[in-house]
Amino acid sequence: MGHFIQQLTTGPTEISNYFTVWELLISIGLAFVLCTVVAYVYRATHRGVSYSQSFTATTVILGVTVAMIMLIIGSNIARAFTLVGALSIVRFRNAVKETRDVGFIFLVMAIGMACGTRFYGTAIIFTIAISAMVYAMFSLNMFGNPQAQRILRVHLPPDLDPNNAFDDLFYRYLQTHTLLSVESVRQGAFLEAVYSVVFRKGASEREFMDAIREINGNARAALTMAESVNI
């Protein structure tokens, strides 16, 4: 331990045949800084209700860990295969909630690999460029659907047909509508109909929901954003 501390204080000496103390500190330190930048970009541009602080922190840890792995492997093929075998026993059981999260996982891995292989300039430029791209896509709402889609869940008495119970109401308030599913609930006392709907410009959602409850006898009716619901 004393010998290692002396190495830290005397200069950029080697702690292995592949990297020095300062290369180690620079690689993991830069990976931490750049992955933290990416984590803040992820938080600032996140949409929806599934934001996870734990996932965001994990991306930083992942980037730093990949940098360290790349330093350890170096150009040693045998060590690389050994590491693959060791990591193959790890099993990840948590499903990724959003497809976008997968992109950020690969992003921090790429940053960690660049830092671990000493491509520091490449890592910095890549982080700045990809962060600017993400912010641009978020600010400009690129690839967004201009039609605000909603999911309408309605409980109906068994005597009402979900296919035509709201025809007149839908014609007045909606631009498009599609019946997605019908399910028996409350031991057959009601039918739950799920519709995908797009409102006409200027249509009042509150008036629409009041009219829905008049038709279904003030039973349950819920209107939610399509992106936050699993059908």
Foldseek 3Di string as FASTA:
>chain_A
DVVVVVQVPPDQDCPDPQGTPVLLCQLLVLLLVLLLLLLVLCVVLDDEDPDDPVLSVVLSVLLSVLLVVLLVCPPPPVVVVVVVVVCVVDDDDDDDPDPVSVVSSVLSNVLSNCSSNPVSVVSVVSSVVVSVVSVVCSVVVPPPDPFFKKKKKDKAAPVADPVCLCVVLCVVWFPDKDWDDWDQPPPNRTIIIIMITTTDPPHDPVVSVVVRCVSRVNDDMDMGGPVHDDD
